[in-house]
Amino acid sequence: MKIKIVARKMELTPAIESYVEKKISKLGKFFAEDVDATVTLSAQKGNHIAELTIYYGGMVFRCEERCDDLYRSIDIIEDLMERQIRKHKTKLEKRLKKAVVVPEDAKGADEEKEFKIVKTKKYSKKPMSAEEAILQMNMLGHNFYIFDNSEEGAVAVVYKRNDGNYGLIELE
């Protein structure tokens, strides 16, 4: 986290500078990448004003606190910013969860779905041509038929296509 400290109408001592860096650098844990933070400290009419602005991915997080004690105002802006970032992060997470919500019945269907084999068939290894296999398939009322292709000498599958024609799958 890159922290820039600006002092207006007051002197920035090394003690104040290290305190600000220590407190504000804790906020770096909320960001995946390096972010820029600007802390502006000023004194006005007996009050100390601490402003914190963080620029992250097109977003601007900002908070300000007026207090009679400078250190307390720094503590408060750190707390305010942490709350603001957590709130924003929670909103993002909720929005993402809503976008990817899976209905309960769909969750259960995926988890509980088991594949059962309800019927087993055996076929004879009688060699035949693709035309004979198509006739057998139509006679049985099936969408496909497995056979020994007499022309190729290998197992093959004929099937009925959606366009009304037939397809042939040859196994190697």
C-alpha atoms as a PDB file:
ATOM      1  CA  MET A   1       0.000   0.000   0.000  1.00  0.00           C
ATOM      2  CA  LYS A   2       1.413   3.375  -1.018  1.00  0.00           C
ATOM      3  CA  ILE A   3       0.595   5.969   1.614  1.00  0.00           C
ATOM      4  CA  LYS A   4       0.956   9.670   0.900  1.00  0.00           C
ATOM      5  CA  ILE A   5       0.706  11.943   3.939  1.00  0.00           C
ATOM      6  CA  VAL A   6      -0.143  15.620   3.504  1.00  0.00           C
ATOM      7  CA  ALA A   7      -0.074  18.105   6.399  1.00  0.00           C
ATOM      8  CA  ARG A   8      -1.925  21.424   6.189  1.00  0.00           C
ATOM      9  CA  LYS A   9      -1.583  24.236   8.726  1.00  0.00           C
ATOM     10  CA  MET A  10       0.428  21.960  11.007  1.00  0.00           C
ATOM     11  CA  GLU A  11       3.848  20.370  11.294  1.00  0.00           C
ATOM     12  CA  LEU A  12       4.213  16.707  10.326  1.00  0.00           C
ATOM     13  CA  THR A  13       6.517  15.113  12.897  1.00  0.00           C
ATOM     14  CA  PRO A  14       8.222  11.740  12.337  1.00  0.00           C
ATOM     15  CA  ALA A  15       6.138  10.287  15.198  1.00  0.00           C
ATOM     16  CA  ILE A  16       2.864  11.309  13.537  1.00  0.00           C
ATOM     17  CA  GLU A  17       4.098  10.063  10.166  1.00  0.00           C
ATOM     18  CA  SER A  18       5.057   6.611  11.504  1.00  0.00           C
ATOM     19  CA  TYR A  19       1.777   6.358  13.448  1.00  0.00           C
ATOM     20  CA  VAL A  20      -0.261   7.113  10.308  1.00  0.00           C
ATOM     21  CA  GLU A  21       1.736   4.603   8.234  1.00  0.00           C
ATOM     22  CA  LYS A  22       1.341   1.914  10.907  1.00  0.00           C
ATOM     23  CA  LYS A  23      -2.433   2.404  11.207  1.00  0.00           C
ATOM     24  CA  ILE A  24      -3.295   2.882   7.536  1.00  0.00           C
ATOM     25  CA  SER A  25      -1.040   0.090   6.227  1.00  0.00           C
ATOM     26  CA  LYS A  26      -3.303  -2.383   8.085  1.00  0.00           C
ATOM     27  CA  LEU A  27      -5.988  -1.628   5.495  1.00  0.00           C
ATOM     28  CA  GLY A  28      -3.774  -3.101   2.773  1.00  0.00           C
ATOM     29  CA  LYS A  29      -4.981  -6.606   3.719  1.00  0.00           C
ATOM     30  CA  PHE A  30      -8.328  -5.863   2.051  1.00  0.00           C
ATOM     31  CA  PHE A  31      -6.826  -5.297  -1.390  1.00  0.00           C
ATOM     32  CA  ALA A  32      -5.289  -7.877  -3.720  1.00  0.00           C
ATOM     33  CA  GLU A  33      -2.971  -5.404  -5.394  1.00  0.00           C
ATOM     34  CA  ASP A  34      -1.056  -2.286  -4.432  1.00  0.00           C
ATOM     35  CA  VAL A  35      -3.348   0.700  -3.824  1.00  0.00           C
ATOM     36  CA  ASP A  36      -2.773   4.401  -3.316  1.00  0.00           C
ATOM     37  CA  ALA A  37      -3.919   6.014  -0.076  1.00  0.00           C
ATOM     38  CA  THR A  38      -3.766   9.711   0.730  1.00  0.00           C
ATOM     39  CA  VAL A  39      -3.979  10.898   4.328  1.00  0.00           C
ATOM     40  CA  THR A  40      -4.514  14.625   4.817  1.00  0.00           C
ATOM     41  CA  LEU A  41      -3.971  16.002   8.306  1.00  0.00           C
ATOM     42  CA  SER A  42      -4.888  19.560   9.221  1.00  0.00           C
ATOM     43  CA  ALA A  43      -5.606  21.752  12.220  1.00  0.00           C
ATOM     44  CA  GLN A  44      -8.537  24.196  12.349  1.00  0.00           C
ATOM     45  CA  LYS A  45     -10.008  26.103  15.300  1.00  0.00           C
ATOM     46  CA  GLY A  46      -8.646  23.732  17.938  1.00  0.00           C
ATOM     47  CA  ASN A  47      -9.762  20.643  16.042  1.00  0.00           C
ATOM     48  CA  HIS A  48      -7.580  18.170  14.188  1.00  0.00           C
ATOM     49  CA  ILE A  49      -8.979  16.894  10.919  1.00  0.00           C
ATOM     50  CA  ALA A  50      -7.874  13.582   9.426  1.00  0.00           C
ATOM     51  CA  GLU A  51      -9.027  12.645   5.923  1.00  0.00           C
ATOM     52  CA  LEU A  52      -8.316   9.315   4.236  1.00  0.00           C
ATOM     53  CA  THR A  53      -8.841   8.624   0.543  1.00  0.00           C
ATOM     54  CA  ILE A  54      -8.083   5.265  -1.086  1.00  0.00           C
ATOM     55  CA  TYR A  55      -8.143   4.786  -4.858  1.00  0.00           C
ATOM     56  CA  TYR A  56      -8.748   1.196  -5.953  1.00  0.00           C
ATOM     57  CA  GLY A  57      -9.829  -0.092  -9.363  1.00  0.00           C
ATOM     58  CA  GLY A  58     -11.877   2.949 -10.326  1.00  0.00           C
ATOM     59  CA  MET A  59     -13.421   3.116  -6.859  1.00  0.00           C
ATOM     60  CA  VAL A  60     -12.777   5.898  -4.369  1.00  0.00           C
ATOM     61  CA  PHE A  61     -13.145   5.208  -0.657  1.00  0.00           C
ATOM     62  CA  ARG A  62     -13.119   8.322   1.506  1.00  0.00           C
ATOM     63  CA  CYS A  63     -13.665   9.202   5.156  1.00  0.00           C
ATOM     64  CA  GLU A  64     -13.021  12.210   7.381  1.00  0.00           C
ATOM     65  CA  GLU A  65     -12.952  12.828  11.129  1.00  0.00           C
ATOM     66  CA  ARG A  66     -12.695  15.996  13.261  1.00  0.00           C
ATOM     67  CA  CYS A  67     -11.463  15.574  16.788  1.00  0.00           C
ATOM     68  CA  ASP A  68      -9.580  17.524  19.463  1.00  0.00           C
ATOM     69  CA  ASP A  69      -6.845  14.827  19.518  1.00  0.00           C
ATOM     70  CA  LEU A  70      -4.961  14.099  16.266  1.00  0.00           C
ATOM     71  CA  TYR A  71      -4.098  10.508  17.196  1.00  0.00           C
ATOM     72  CA  ARG A  72      -7.712   9.729  18.031  1.00  0.00           C
ATOM     73  CA  SER A  73      -8.880  11.163  14.700  1.00  0.00           C
ATOM     74  CA  ILE A  74      -6.349   8.908  12.908  1.00  0.00           C
ATOM     75  CA  ASP A  75      -7.670   5.886  14.836  1.00  0.00           C
ATOM     76  CA  ILE A  76     -11.238   6.796  13.949  1.00  0.00           C
ATOM     77  CA  ILE A  77     -10.571   7.208  10.204  1.00  0.00           C
ATOM     78  CA  GLU A  78      -8.857   3.824  10.180  1.00  0.00           C
ATOM     79  CA  ASP A  79     -11.938   2.230  11.799  1.00  0.00           C
ATOM     80  CA  LEU A  80     -14.329   4.104   9.505  1.00  0.00           C
ATOM     81  CA  MET A  81     -12.412   3.065   6.399  1.00  0.00           C
ATOM     82  CA  GLU A  82     -12.241  -0.562   7.487  1.00  0.00           C
ATOM     83  CA  ARG A  83     -16.011  -0.576   8.028  1.00  0.00           C
ATOM     84  CA  GLN A  84     -16.581   1.081   4.654  1.00  0.00           C
ATOM     85  CA  ILE A  85     -14.360  -1.434   2.815  1.00  0.00           C
ATOM     86  CA  ARG A  86     -15.973  -4.423   4.572  1.00  0.00           C
ATOM     87  CA  LYS A  87     -19.432  -3.099   3.695  1.00  0.00           C
ATOM     88  CA  HIS A  88     -18.445  -2.685   0.047  1.00  0.00           C
ATOM     89  CA  LYS A  89     -16.885  -6.159  -0.055  1.00  0.00           C
ATOM     90  CA  THR A  90     -20.039  -7.704   1.448  1.00  0.00           C
ATOM     91  CA  LYS A  91     -22.225  -5.963  -1.139  1.00  0.00           C
ATOM     92  CA  LEU A  92     -20.021  -7.297  -3.941  1.00  0.00           C
ATOM     93  CA  GLU A  93     -20.147 -10.833  -2.565  1.00  0.00           C
ATOM     94  CA  LYS A  94     -23.951 -10.701  -2.261  1.00  0.00           C
ATOM     95  CA  ARG A  95     -24.258  -9.378  -5.798  1.00  0.00           C
ATOM     96  CA  LEU A  96     -22.016 -12.160  -7.121  1.00  0.00           C
ATOM     97  CA  LYS A  97     -23.935 -14.823  -5.197  1.00  0.00           C
ATOM     98  CA  LYS A  98     -27.240 -13.547  -6.605  1.00  0.00           C
ATOM     99  CA  ALA A  99     -25.821 -13.734 -10.119  1.00  0.00           C
ATOM    100  CA  VAL A 100     -24.793 -17.369  -9.640  1.00  0.00           C
ATOM    101  CA  VAL A 101     -27.732 -18.639  -7.581  1.00  0.00           C
ATOM    102  CA  VAL A 102     -28.551 -22.260  -8.381  1.00  0.00           C
ATOM    103  CA  PRO A 103     -32.116 -23.335  -7.580  1.00  0.00           C
ATOM    104  CA  GLU A 104     -32.409 -25.859  -4.744  1.00  0.00           C
ATOM    105  CA  ASP A 105     -34.020 -28.522  -6.941  1.00  0.00           C
ATOM    106  CA  ALA A 106     -31.138 -28.257  -9.429  1.00  0.00           C
ATOM    107  CA  LYS A 107     -28.582 -28.693  -6.637  1.00  0.00           C
ATOM    108  CA  GLY A 108     -30.288 -31.835  -5.394  1.00  0.00           C
ATOM    109  CA  ALA A 109     -30.723 -33.254  -8.878  1.00  0.00           C
ATOM    110  CA  ASP A 110     -26.998 -33.064  -9.608  1.00  0.00           C
ATOM    111  CA  GLU A 111     -25.974 -34.560  -6.300  1.00  0.00           C
ATOM    112  CA  GLU A 112     -28.602 -37.304  -6.151  1.00  0.00           C
ATOM    113  CA  LYS A 113     -28.640 -38.307  -9.819  1.00  0.00           C
ATOM    114  CA  GLU A 114     -27.329 -41.809 -10.288  1.00  0.00           C
ATOM    115  CA  PHE A 115     -26.996 -43.522 -13.602  1.00  0.00           C
ATOM    116  CA  LYS A 116     -28.854 -46.834 -13.610  1.00  0.00           C
ATOM    117  CA  ILE A 117     -28.695 -49.431 -16.324  1.00  0.00           C
ATOM    118  CA  VAL A 118     -32.283 -50.610 -16.597  1.00  0.00           C
ATOM    119  CA  LYS A 119     -31.905 -53.034 -19.497  1.00  0.00           C
ATOM    120  CA  THR A 120     -29.094 -55.071 -21.024  1.00  0.00           C
ATOM    121  CA  LYS A 121     -29.230 -56.493 -24.543  1.00  0.00           C
ATOM    122  CA  LYS A 122     -27.006 -58.909 -26.376  1.00  0.00           C
ATOM    123  CA  TYR A 123     -26.672 -58.979 -30.112  1.00  0.00           C
ATOM    124  CA  SER A 124     -25.635 -61.755 -32.455  1.00  0.00           C
ATOM    125  CA  LYS A 125     -22.388 -61.485 -34.353  1.00  0.00           C
ATOM    126  CA  LYS A 126     -23.992 -62.265 -37.683  1.00  0.00           C
ATOM    127  CA  PRO A 127     -22.114 -60.284 -40.347  1.00  0.00           C
ATOM    128  CA  MET A 128     -24.349 -58.067 -42.495  1.00  0.00           C
ATOM    129  CA  SER A 129     -24.177 -55.009 -44.721  1.00  0.00           C
ATOM    130  CA  ALA A 130     -25.115 -51.490 -43.617  1.00  0.00           C
ATOM    131  CA  GLU A 131     -28.352 -51.721 -45.673  1.00  0.00           C
ATOM    132  CA  GLU A 132     -29.367 -54.937 -43.882  1.00  0.00           C
ATOM    133  CA  ALA A 133     -28.602 -53.301 -40.508  1.00  0.00           C
ATOM    134  CA  ILE A 134     -30.852 -50.334 -41.410  1.00  0.00           C
ATOM    135  CA  LEU A 135     -33.665 -52.762 -42.285  1.00  0.00           C
ATOM    136  CA  GLN A 136     -33.185 -54.569 -38.950  1.00  0.00           C
ATOM    137  CA  MET A 137     -33.152 -51.245 -37.061  1.00  0.00           C
ATOM    138  CA  ASN A 138     -36.393 -50.082 -38.722  1.00  0.00           C
ATOM    139  CA  MET A 139     -38.033 -53.457 -38.188  1.00  0.00           C
ATOM    140  CA  LEU A 140     -37.212 -53.305 -34.446  1.00  0.00           C
ATOM    141  CA  GLY A 141     -38.215 -49.618 -34.182  1.00  0.00           C
ATOM    142  CA  HIS A 142     -34.859 -48.511 -32.756  1.00  0.00           C
ATOM    143  CA  ASN A 143     -32.875 -45.315 -33.390  1.00  0.00           C
ATOM    144  CA  PHE A 144     -29.584 -47.204 -33.811  1.00  0.00           C
ATOM    145  CA  TYR A 145     -28.335 -50.714 -34.509  1.00  0.00           C
ATOM    146  CA  ILE A 146     -24.954 -52.332 -33.761  1.00  0.00           C
ATOM    147  CA  PHE A 147     -23.715 -54.963 -36.207  1.00  0.00           C
ATOM    148  CA  ASP A 148     -20.643 -56.694 -37.675  1.00  0.00           C
ATOM    149  CA  ASN A 149     -20.038 -54.943 -40.972  1.00  0.00           C
ATOM    150  CA  SER A 150     -19.391 -57.652 -43.575  1.00  0.00           C
ATOM    151  CA  GLU A 151     -17.915 -55.100 -45.988  1.00  0.00           C
ATOM    152  CA  GLU A 152     -15.336 -53.713 -43.507  1.00  0.00           C
ATOM    153  CA  GLY A 153     -14.942 -56.708 -41.184  1.00  0.00           C
ATOM    154  CA  ALA A 154     -15.401 -54.610 -38.022  1.00  0.00           C
ATOM    155  CA  VAL A 155     -18.123 -53.637 -35.559  1.00  0.00           C
ATOM    156  CA  ALA A 156     -20.233 -50.694 -36.771  1.00  0.00           C
ATOM    157  CA  VAL A 157     -23.317 -48.711 -35.769  1.00  0.00           C
ATOM    158  CA  VAL A 158     -26.074 -47.360 -38.011  1.00  0.00           C
ATOM    159  CA  TYR A 159     -28.341 -44.655 -36.649  1.00  0.00           C
ATOM    160  CA  LYS A 160     -31.270 -42.529 -37.750  1.00  0.00           C
ATOM    161  CA  ARG A 161     -30.425 -38.837 -38.082  1.00  0.00           C
ATOM    162  CA  ASN A 162     -32.744 -35.930 -37.260  1.00  0.00           C
ATOM    163  CA  ASP A 163     -32.992 -35.029 -40.957  1.00  0.00           C
ATOM    164  CA  GLY A 164     -34.468 -38.497 -41.757  1.00  0.00           C
ATOM    165  CA  ASN A 165     -31.295 -39.924 -43.299  1.00  0.00           C
ATOM    166  CA  TYR A 166     -29.042 -42.579 -41.789  1.00  0.00           C
ATOM    167  CA  GLY A 167     -25.533 -42.404 -40.357  1.00  0.00           C
ATOM    168  CA  LEU A 168     -22.836 -45.060 -40.067  1.00  0.00           C
ATOM    169  CA  ILE A 169     -20.205 -45.210 -37.315  1.00  0.00           C
ATOM    170  CA  GLU A 170     -17.307 -47.568 -37.987  1.00  0.00           C
ATOM    171  CA  LEU A 171     -15.052 -48.692 -35.139  1.00  0.00           C
ATOM    172  CA  GLU A 172     -11.336 -49.159 -35.786  1.00  0.00           C
END
